[in-house]
Protein backbone atom coordinates (compact mmCIF):
# COMPACT_ATOMS: atom_id res chain seq x y z
CA MET A 1 -2.78 -32.13 -9.31
CA ASN A 2 -3.21 -30.59 -5.83
CA ASN A 3 -5.67 -32.39 -3.62
CA SER A 4 -5.81 -29.76 -0.87
CA TYR A 5 -8.85 -27.58 -0.26
CA VAL A 6 -8.85 -24.11 -1.81
CA ASP A 7 -11.13 -21.56 -0.29
CA PRO A 8 -13.02 -19.84 -3.15
CA LYS A 9 -13.43 -16.68 -1.03
CA THR A 10 -9.70 -16.03 -0.90
CA VAL A 11 -8.38 -17.31 -4.29
CA LYS A 12 -7.33 -14.95 -7.19
CA LEU A 13 -8.97 -15.69 -10.51
CA THR A 14 -5.90 -14.52 -12.45
CA ASP A 15 -3.71 -17.00 -10.58
CA LEU A 16 -6.05 -19.84 -11.53
CA VAL A 17 -6.01 -19.23 -15.32
CA LYS A 18 -2.38 -18.19 -15.96
CA ASP A 19 0.41 -20.47 -17.19
CA ASN A 20 -1.90 -22.91 -19.03
CA LYS A 21 -3.22 -24.37 -15.75
CA LYS A 22 -5.72 -27.25 -16.14
CA VAL A 23 -9.11 -28.34 -14.82
CA TYR A 24 -10.23 -31.97 -14.50
CA PHE A 25 -13.77 -33.33 -14.61
CA LEU A 26 -14.80 -35.00 -11.34
CA TYR A 27 -18.49 -35.98 -11.55
CA PHE A 28 -22.03 -34.96 -12.78
CA ARG A 29 -24.78 -34.49 -10.13
CA ASP A 30 -28.11 -32.58 -10.09
CA LYS A 31 -27.58 -30.85 -13.47
CA ASP A 32 -24.03 -29.73 -12.52
CA PHE A 33 -20.69 -30.79 -13.87
CA TRP A 34 -18.10 -30.59 -11.12
CA TYR A 35 -14.47 -29.86 -11.91
CA ARG A 36 -11.30 -29.65 -9.89
CA HIS A 37 -8.62 -27.08 -10.78
CA GLU A 38 -5.05 -28.33 -10.58
CA ASP A 39 -4.53 -25.96 -7.59
CA GLY A 40 -7.38 -27.68 -5.71
CA LEU A 41 -10.39 -25.40 -6.27
CA VAL A 42 -13.59 -27.40 -6.93
CA PHE A 43 -16.35 -25.59 -8.93
CA SER A 44 -19.42 -26.42 -10.89
CA VAL A 45 -20.68 -25.82 -14.46
CA SER A 46 -24.47 -25.82 -14.81
CA LEU A 47 -25.94 -28.04 -17.54
CA ASP A 48 -28.48 -25.30 -18.14
CA GLU A 49 -25.74 -22.84 -19.10
CA ILE A 50 -24.01 -25.11 -21.58
CA ASP A 51 -27.24 -26.48 -23.08
CA ASN A 52 -28.01 -23.02 -24.51
CA PRO A 53 -28.45 -23.00 -28.27
CA GLU A 54 -27.21 -19.36 -28.40
CA SER A 55 -23.90 -20.10 -26.71
CA PRO A 56 -23.22 -23.90 -26.68
CA ALA A 57 -20.19 -25.18 -24.90
CA THR A 58 -18.17 -28.34 -25.16
CA LEU A 59 -16.85 -29.71 -21.90
CA GLN A 60 -13.70 -31.87 -21.97
CA ALA A 61 -12.57 -34.21 -19.21
CA GLU A 62 -9.31 -32.25 -19.00
CA ASP A 63 -8.88 -28.76 -20.38
CA LYS A 64 -7.18 -25.39 -19.88
CA ALA A 65 -8.54 -23.39 -16.98
CA ILE A 66 -8.82 -20.29 -19.11
CA TYR A 67 -11.62 -21.93 -21.05
CA PHE A 68 -13.58 -22.29 -17.76
CA MET A 69 -12.85 -18.81 -16.55
CA ARG A 70 -16.52 -17.60 -16.64
CA TRP A 71 -17.69 -20.53 -14.46
CA ILE A 72 -14.74 -20.26 -12.07
CA LYS A 73 -15.35 -16.48 -11.73
CA LYS A 74 -19.06 -17.03 -11.15
CA TYR A 75 -18.31 -19.70 -8.47
CA ILE A 76 -15.83 -17.39 -6.65
CA GLU A 77 -18.34 -14.51 -6.74
CA VAL A 78 -21.20 -16.58 -5.34
CA ALA A 79 -18.92 -17.97 -2.58
CA LYS A 80 -17.85 -14.46 -1.62
CA LYS A 81 -21.50 -13.23 -1.51
CA GLU A 82 -22.54 -16.09 0.66
CA ALA A 83 -19.72 -15.37 3.04
CA LEU A 84 -21.13 -11.88 3.60
CA LEU A 85 -24.58 -13.30 4.71
């Protein structure tokens, strides 16, 4: 696993989810599960999003990045928007 910082404003989503790349749980804080991608990107998954009866999710301590694509994408989009402010 890569421990270097990855800037979410410059990363490509497709590169993060190809070739069965993995994500690893880091910690839980303020209703967010924080994960580190094997390439170094750190992103969050909101408890409110996975605690939805209409679309429940199971979070593993280690899993394929493709399963976390919606949260990685959301995190990247928010980082890019904030960079424009």
